[in-house]
Structures are given as C-alpha cells and as structure tokens.
Amino acid sequence: VSRAATSGQAYVYVDGVKITTVDLKSSTTLYRQAIWTKTWSTSAKHTVKIVVVGTSGRPTVTTDGIAYVK
C-alpha cells in the first residue's frame, strides 16, 4: 500500500469482525508499505476485507499489492 499526504483510512475486517482502522497519511510518499499483518496458529479458512473509509479531504487508498502466504 502507498502512504501519502492525501491518503485516507481503511477498515480491516477478518471473518466479518472489524479488527482495526489503518491511517495511510504520511508527510512523504512511501511505497510498498505493509499496513497490516496477521498470523494464525492453525490452518483454517478466513475472509479478509479492506474497506476504504472515505476520509474527508483525503478519501483515497492506493494498493500496490496484497501478499498471502500459506
């Protein structure tokens, strides 16, 4: 994910539960930033959803990649 002065916020949900809110605002533009990570102790099916908040004045969230490791 990119961080920048005009970047907004996003909600992260796991299995339908909001886990956190991430704020991508940064005074300098940064690329390839890991904004959230999660490790599970056992293998199971999970659903991860990222929802753009639409932050006033900085409603944009830019994704430059998603990594999933099994």
PDB file of N, CA and C in Angstrom:
ATOM      1  N   VAL A   1       0.853  -1.183   0.000  1.00  0.00           N
ATOM      2  CA  VAL A   1       0.000   0.000   0.000  1.00  0.00           C
ATOM      3  C   VAL A   1       0.887   1.230   0.000  1.00  0.00           C
ATOM      4  N   SER A   2       0.416   2.277  -0.613  1.00  0.00           N
ATOM      5  CA  SER A   2       1.144   3.542  -0.619  1.00  0.00           C
ATOM      6  C   SER A   2       0.668   4.436   0.518  1.00  0.00           C
ATOM      7  N   ARG A   3       1.596   5.163   1.085  1.00  0.00           N
ATOM      8  CA  ARG A   3       1.265   6.184   2.084  1.00  0.00           C
ATOM      9  C   ARG A   3       1.606   7.534   1.467  1.00  0.00           C
ATOM     10  N   ALA A   4       0.737   8.532   1.677  1.00  0.00           N
ATOM     11  CA  ALA A   4       0.969   9.862   1.110  1.00  0.00           C
ATOM     12  C   ALA A   4       0.147  10.884   1.883  1.00  0.00           C
ATOM     13  N   ALA A   5       0.415  12.148   1.630  1.00  0.00           N
ATOM     14  CA  ALA A   5      -0.288  13.231   2.326  1.00  0.00           C
ATOM     15  C   ALA A   5      -1.785  13.213   2.057  1.00  0.00           C
ATOM     16  N   THR A   6      -2.190  12.711   0.894  1.00  0.00           N
ATOM     17  CA  THR A   6      -3.612  12.696   0.533  1.00  0.00           C
ATOM     18  C   THR A   6      -4.278  11.343   0.773  1.00  0.00           C
ATOM     19  N   SER A   7      -3.540  10.389   1.332  1.00  0.00           N
ATOM     20  CA  SER A   7      -4.112   9.064   1.583  1.00  0.00           C
ATOM     21  C   SER A   7      -5.014   9.083   2.808  1.00  0.00           C
ATOM     22  N   GLY A   8      -6.072   8.298   2.734  1.00  0.00           N
ATOM     23  CA  GLY A   8      -7.054   8.259   3.815  1.00  0.00           C
ATOM     24  C   GLY A   8      -6.913   7.052   4.722  1.00  0.00           C
ATOM     25  N   GLN A   9      -8.054   6.589   5.214  1.00  0.00           N
ATOM     26  CA  GLN A   9      -8.097   5.478   6.155  1.00  0.00           C
ATOM     27  C   GLN A   9      -8.847   4.297   5.549  1.00  0.00           C
ATOM     28  N   ALA A  10      -8.578   3.110   6.099  1.00  0.00           N
ATOM     29  CA  ALA A  10      -9.294   1.904   5.686  1.00  0.00           C
ATOM     30  C   ALA A  10      -9.565   1.049   6.916  1.00  0.00           C
ATOM     31  N   TYR A  11     -10.714   0.381   6.893  1.00  0.00           N
ATOM     32  CA  TYR A  11     -11.056  -0.590   7.934  1.00  0.00           C
ATOM     33  C   TYR A  11     -10.582  -1.958   7.470  1.00  0.00           C
ATOM     34  N   VAL A  12     -10.086  -2.773   8.408  1.00  0.00           N
ATOM     35  CA  VAL A  12      -9.705  -4.150   8.109  1.00  0.00           C
ATOM     36  C   VAL A  12     -10.628  -5.072   8.898  1.00  0.00           C
ATOM     37  N   TYR A  13     -11.315  -5.950   8.168  1.00  0.00           N
ATOM     38  CA  TYR A  13     -12.213  -6.932   8.770  1.00  0.00           C
ATOM     39  C   TYR A  13     -11.648  -8.327   8.567  1.00  0.00           C
ATOM     40  N   VAL A  14     -11.795  -9.184   9.581  1.00  0.00           N
ATOM     41  CA  VAL A  14     -11.455 -10.597   9.458  1.00  0.00           C
ATOM     42  C   VAL A  14     -12.673 -11.396   9.890  1.00  0.00           C
ATOM     43  N   ASP A  15     -13.145 -12.242   9.004  1.00  0.00           N
ATOM     44  CA  ASP A  15     -14.316 -13.079   9.272  1.00  0.00           C
ATOM     45  C   ASP A  15     -15.507 -12.257   9.750  1.00  0.00           C
ATOM     46  N   GLY A  16     -15.701 -11.078   9.146  1.00  0.00           N
ATOM     47  CA  GLY A  16     -16.847 -10.235   9.447  1.00  0.00           C
ATOM     48  C   GLY A  16     -16.706  -9.338  10.661  1.00  0.00           C
ATOM     49  N   VAL A  17     -15.569  -9.359  11.334  1.00  0.00           N
ATOM     50  CA  VAL A  17     -15.338  -8.546  12.530  1.00  0.00           C
ATOM     51  C   VAL A  17     -14.295  -7.478  12.218  1.00  0.00           C
ATOM     52  N   LYS A  18     -14.620  -6.208  12.518  1.00  0.00           N
ATOM     53  CA  LYS A  18     -13.643  -5.135  12.284  1.00  0.00           C
ATOM     54  C   LYS A  18     -12.505  -5.280  13.285  1.00  0.00           C
ATOM     55  N   ILE A  19     -11.294  -5.449  12.756  1.00  0.00           N
ATOM     56  CA  ILE A  19     -10.106  -5.671  13.577  1.00  0.00           C
ATOM     57  C   ILE A  19      -9.384  -4.366  13.882  1.00  0.00           C
ATOM     58  N   THR A  20      -9.286  -3.487  12.880  1.00  0.00           N
ATOM     59  CA  THR A  20      -8.532  -2.251  13.072  1.00  0.00           C
ATOM     60  C   THR A  20      -8.898  -1.223  12.007  1.00  0.00           C
ATOM     61  N   THR A  21      -8.503   0.001  12.261  1.00  0.00           N
ATOM     62  CA  THR A  21      -8.561   1.075  11.273  1.00  0.00           C
ATOM     63  C   THR A  21      -7.127   1.496  11.004  1.00  0.00           C
ATOM     64  N   VAL A  22      -6.724   1.503   9.739  1.00  0.00           N
ATOM     65  CA  VAL A  22      -5.367   1.927   9.388  1.00  0.00           C
ATOM     66  C   VAL A  22      -5.429   3.297   8.726  1.00  0.00           C
ATOM     67  N   ASP A  23      -4.504   4.165   9.096  1.00  0.00           N
ATOM     68  CA  ASP A  23      -4.424   5.511   8.526  1.00  0.00           C
ATOM     69  C   ASP A  23      -3.184   5.569   7.646  1.00  0.00           C
ATOM     70  N   LEU A  24      -3.372   5.887   6.378  1.00  0.00           N
ATOM     71  CA  LEU A  24      -2.276   5.859   5.410  1.00  0.00           C
ATOM     72  C   LEU A  24      -1.665   7.221   5.139  1.00  0.00           C
ATOM     73  N   LYS A  25      -2.030   8.222   5.927  1.00  0.00           N
ATOM     74  CA  LYS A  25      -1.472   9.562   5.738  1.00  0.00           C
ATOM     75  C   LYS A  25       0.002   9.574   6.135  1.00  0.00           C
ATOM     76  N   SER A  26       0.814  10.250   5.317  1.00  0.00           N
ATOM     77  CA  SER A  26       2.241  10.392   5.577  1.00  0.00           C
ATOM     78  C   SER A  26       2.709  11.705   4.967  1.00  0.00           C
ATOM     79  N   SER A  27       3.636  12.370   5.620  1.00  0.00           N
ATOM     80  CA  SER A  27       4.142  13.643   5.093  1.00  0.00           C
ATOM     81  C   SER A  27       4.963  13.443   3.821  1.00  0.00           C
ATOM     82  N   THR A  28       5.519  12.239   3.644  1.00  0.00           N
ATOM     83  CA  THR A  28       6.242  11.907   2.415  1.00  0.00           C
ATOM     84  C   THR A  28       5.585  10.679   1.784  1.00  0.00           C
ATOM     85  N   THR A  29       5.671  10.568   0.470  1.00  0.00           N
ATOM     86  CA  THR A  29       5.088   9.418  -0.215  1.00  0.00           C
ATOM     87  C   THR A  29       5.975   8.198  -0.015  1.00  0.00           C
ATOM     88  N   LEU A  30       5.360   7.112   0.435  1.00  0.00           N
ATOM     89  CA  LEU A  30       6.064   5.856   0.686  1.00  0.00           C
ATOM     90  C   LEU A  30       5.343   4.744  -0.062  1.00  0.00           C
ATOM     91  N   TYR A  31       6.091   3.834  -0.677  1.00  0.00           N
ATOM     92  CA  TYR A  31       5.504   2.735  -1.431  1.00  0.00           C
ATOM     93  C   TYR A  31       5.834   1.406  -0.772  1.00  0.00           C
ATOM     94  N   ARG A  32       5.059   0.384  -1.129  1.00  0.00           N
ATOM     95  CA  ARG A  32       5.264  -0.986  -0.639  1.00  0.00           C
ATOM     96  C   ARG A  32       5.287  -1.053   0.882  1.00  0.00           C
ATOM     97  N   GLN A  33       4.334  -0.429   1.500  1.00  0.00           N
ATOM     98  CA  GLN A  33       4.239  -0.414   2.951  1.00  0.00           C
ATOM     99  C   GLN A  33       3.259  -1.483   3.427  1.00  0.00           C
ATOM    100  N   ALA A  34       3.692  -2.339   4.330  1.00  0.00           N
ATOM    101  CA  ALA A  34       2.786  -3.316   4.946  1.00  0.00           C
ATOM    102  C   ALA A  34       1.965  -2.564   5.986  1.00  0.00           C
ATOM    103  N   ILE A  35       0.667  -2.500   5.775  1.00  0.00           N
ATOM    104  CA  ILE A  35      -0.175  -1.728   6.693  1.00  0.00           C
ATOM    105  C   ILE A  35      -0.824  -2.590   7.764  1.00  0.00           C
ATOM    106  N   TRP A  36      -0.871  -3.901   7.515  1.00  0.00           N
ATOM    107  CA  TRP A  36      -1.495  -4.803   8.476  1.00  0.00           C
ATOM    108  C   TRP A  36      -1.019  -6.212   8.196  1.00  0.00           C
ATOM    109  N   THR A  37      -0.711  -6.954   9.242  1.00  0.00           N
ATOM    110  CA  THR A  37      -0.328  -8.355   9.096  1.00  0.00           C
ATOM    111  C   THR A  37      -1.075  -9.185  10.132  1.00  0.00           C
ATOM    112  N   LYS A  38      -1.260 -10.434   9.822  1.00  0.00           N
ATOM    113  CA  LYS A  38      -1.959 -11.339  10.736  1.00  0.00           C
ATOM    114  C   LYS A  38      -1.375 -12.728  10.579  1.00  0.00           C
ATOM    115  N   THR A  39      -1.150 -13.404  11.695  1.00  0.00           N
ATOM    116  CA  THR A  39      -0.676 -14.780  11.708  1.00  0.00           C
ATOM    117  C   THR A  39      -1.658 -15.620  12.513  1.00  0.00           C
ATOM    118  N   TRP A  40      -2.044 -16.758  11.959  1.00  0.00           N
ATOM    119  CA  TRP A  40      -2.912 -17.680  12.677  1.00  0.00           C
ATOM    120  C   TRP A  40      -2.098 -18.875  13.138  1.00  0.00           C
ATOM    121  N   SER A  41      -2.459 -19.429  14.289  1.00  0.00           N
ATOM    122  CA  SER A  41      -1.711 -20.556  14.844  1.00  0.00           C
ATOM    123  C   SER A  41      -2.058 -21.876  14.163  1.00  0.00           C
ATOM    124  N   THR A  42      -3.252 -21.953  13.543  1.00  0.00           N
ATOM    125  CA  THR A  42      -3.653 -23.163  12.836  1.00  0.00           C
ATOM    126  C   THR A  42      -4.196 -22.797  11.459  1.00  0.00           C
ATOM    127  N   SER A  43      -4.197 -23.775  10.573  1.00  0.00           N
ATOM    128  CA  SER A  43      -4.712 -23.566   9.225  1.00  0.00           C
ATOM    129  C   SER A  43      -6.237 -23.637   9.226  1.00  0.00           C
ATOM    130  N   ALA A  44      -6.879 -22.635   8.645  1.00  0.00           N
ATOM    131  CA  ALA A  44      -8.340 -22.593   8.544  1.00  0.00           C
ATOM    132  C   ALA A  44      -8.713 -21.562   7.488  1.00  0.00           C
ATOM    133  N   LYS A  45      -9.949 -21.609   7.030  1.00  0.00           N
ATOM    134  CA  LYS A  45     -10.429 -20.648   6.043  1.00  0.00           C
ATOM    135  C   LYS A  45     -10.808 -19.350   6.748  1.00  0.00           C
ATOM    136  N   HIS A  46     -10.333 -18.212   6.219  1.00  0.00           N
ATOM    137  CA  HIS A  46     -10.654 -16.896   6.763  1.00  0.00           C
ATOM    138  C   HIS A  46     -10.981 -15.950   5.614  1.00  0.00           C
ATOM    139  N   THR A  47     -11.783 -14.946   5.907  1.00  0.00           N
ATOM    140  CA  THR A  47     -12.103 -13.905   4.943  1.00  0.00           C
ATOM    141  C   THR A  47     -11.545 -12.585   5.451  1.00  0.00           C
ATOM    142  N   VAL A  48     -10.724 -11.931   4.633  1.00  0.00           N
ATOM    143  CA  VAL A  48     -10.167 -10.622   4.973  1.00  0.00           C
ATOM    144  C   VAL A  48     -10.780  -9.605   4.016  1.00  0.00           C
ATOM    145  N   LYS A  49     -11.315  -8.521   4.584  1.00  0.00           N
ATOM    146  CA  LYS A  49     -11.937  -7.475   3.767  1.00  0.00           C
ATOM    147  C   LYS A  49     -11.343  -6.128   4.161  1.00  0.00           C
ATOM    148  N   ILE A  50     -10.995  -5.320   3.161  1.00  0.00           N
ATOM    149  CA  ILE A  50     -10.476  -3.971   3.384  1.00  0.00           C
ATOM    150  C   ILE A  50     -11.502  -2.996   2.819  1.00  0.00           C
ATOM    151  N   VAL A  51     -11.966  -2.071   3.665  1.00  0.00           N
ATOM    152  CA  VAL A  51     -12.997  -1.110   3.270  1.00  0.00           C
ATOM    153  C   VAL A  51     -12.430   0.299   3.388  1.00  0.00           C
ATOM    154  N   VAL A  52     -12.462   1.052   2.294  1.00  0.00           N
ATOM    155  CA  VAL A  52     -11.998   2.438   2.310  1.00  0.00           C
ATOM    156  C   VAL A  52     -13.016   3.278   3.071  1.00  0.00           C
ATOM    157  N   VAL A  53     -12.544   4.032   4.073  1.00  0.00           N
ATOM    158  CA  VAL A  53     -13.422   4.835   4.922  1.00  0.00           C
ATOM    159  C   VAL A  53     -14.017   6.005   4.147  1.00  0.00           C
ATOM    160  N   GLY A  54     -13.216   6.651   3.297  1.00  0.00           N
ATOM    161  CA  GLY A  54     -13.671   7.860   2.606  1.00  0.00           C
ATOM    162  C   GLY A  54     -13.406   9.077   3.472  1.00  0.00           C
ATOM    163  N   THR A  55     -12.216   9.127   4.056  1.00  0.00           N
ATOM    164  CA  THR A  55     -11.801  10.187   4.966  1.00  0.00           C
ATOM    165  C   THR A  55     -11.957  11.557   4.310  1.00  0.00           C
ATOM    166  N   SER A  56     -12.599  12.483   4.994  1.00  0.00           N
ATOM    167  CA  SER A  56     -12.833  13.827   4.465  1.00  0.00           C
ATOM    168  C   SER A  56     -11.514  14.508   4.113  1.00  0.00           C
ATOM    169  N   GLY A  57     -11.417  15.008   2.872  1.00  0.00           N
ATOM    170  CA  GLY A  57     -10.217  15.703   2.426  1.00  0.00           C
ATOM    171  C   GLY A  57      -9.119  14.798   1.913  1.00  0.00           C
ATOM    172  N   ARG A  58      -9.200  13.518   2.195  1.00  0.00           N
ATOM    173  CA  ARG A  58      -8.212  12.543   1.709  1.00  0.00           C
ATOM    174  C   ARG A  58      -8.875  11.161   1.597  1.00  0.00           C
ATOM    175  N   PRO A  59      -9.782  11.047   0.639  1.00  0.00           N
ATOM    176  CA  PRO A  59     -10.597   9.833   0.526  1.00  0.00           C
ATOM    177  C   PRO A  59      -9.953   8.664  -0.226  1.00  0.00           C
ATOM    178  N   THR A  60      -8.682   8.797  -0.609  1.00  0.00           N
ATOM    179  CA  THR A  60      -8.060   7.797  -1.478  1.00  0.00           C
ATOM    180  C   THR A  60      -7.204   6.798  -0.711  1.00  0.00           C
ATOM    181  N   VAL A  61      -7.307   5.532  -1.097  1.00  0.00           N
ATOM    182  CA  VAL A  61      -6.407   4.484  -0.620  1.00  0.00           C
ATOM    183  C   VAL A  61      -5.877   3.779  -1.863  1.00  0.00           C
ATOM    184  N   THR A  62      -4.550   3.699  -1.995  1.00  0.00           N
ATOM    185  CA  THR A  62      -3.924   3.081  -3.161  1.00  0.00           C
ATOM    186  C   THR A  62      -3.264   1.771  -2.751  1.00  0.00           C
ATOM    187  N   THR A  63      -3.577   0.711  -3.477  1.00  0.00           N
ATOM    188  CA  THR A  63      -2.994  -0.599  -3.195  1.00  0.00           C
ATOM    189  C   THR A  63      -1.991  -0.939  -4.283  1.00  0.00           C
ATOM    190  N   ASP A  64      -0.767  -1.255  -3.878  1.00  0.00           N
ATOM    191  CA  ASP A  64       0.205  -1.696  -4.873  1.00  0.00           C
ATOM    192  C   ASP A  64       0.544  -3.170  -4.692  1.00  0.00           C
ATOM    193  N   GLY A  65      -0.205  -3.861  -3.830  1.00  0.00           N
ATOM    194  CA  GLY A  65      -0.016  -5.300  -3.693  1.00  0.00           C
ATOM    195  C   GLY A  65      -0.683  -5.866  -2.456  1.00  0.00           C
ATOM    196  N   ILE A  66      -0.997  -7.151  -2.539  1.00  0.00           N
ATOM    197  CA  ILE A  66      -1.513  -7.902  -1.395  1.00  0.00           C
ATOM    198  C   ILE A  66      -0.735  -9.208  -1.362  1.00  0.00           C
ATOM    199  N   ALA A  67      -0.228  -9.579  -0.200  1.00  0.00           N
ATOM    200  CA  ALA A  67       0.534 -10.819  -0.070  1.00  0.00           C
ATOM    201  C   ALA A  67      -0.209 -11.786   0.841  1.00  0.00           C
ATOM    202  N   TYR A  68      -0.310 -13.022   0.384  1.00  0.00           N
ATOM    203  CA  TYR A  68      -0.929 -14.094   1.152  1.00  0.00           C
ATOM    204  C   TYR A  68       0.060 -15.245   1.162  1.00  0.00           C
ATOM    205  N   VAL A  69       0.423 -15.713   2.344  1.00  0.00           N
ATOM    206  CA  VAL A  69       1.377 -16.807   2.453  1.00  0.00           C
ATOM    207  C   VAL A  69       0.693 -17.950   3.176  1.00  0.00           C
ATOM    208  N   LYS A  70       0.741 -19.117   2.557  1.00  0.00           N
ATOM    209  CA  LYS A  70       0.090 -20.281   3.161  1.00  0.00           C
ATOM    210  C   LYS A  70       1.136 -21.222   3.694  1.00  0.00           C
TER     211      LYS A  70
END
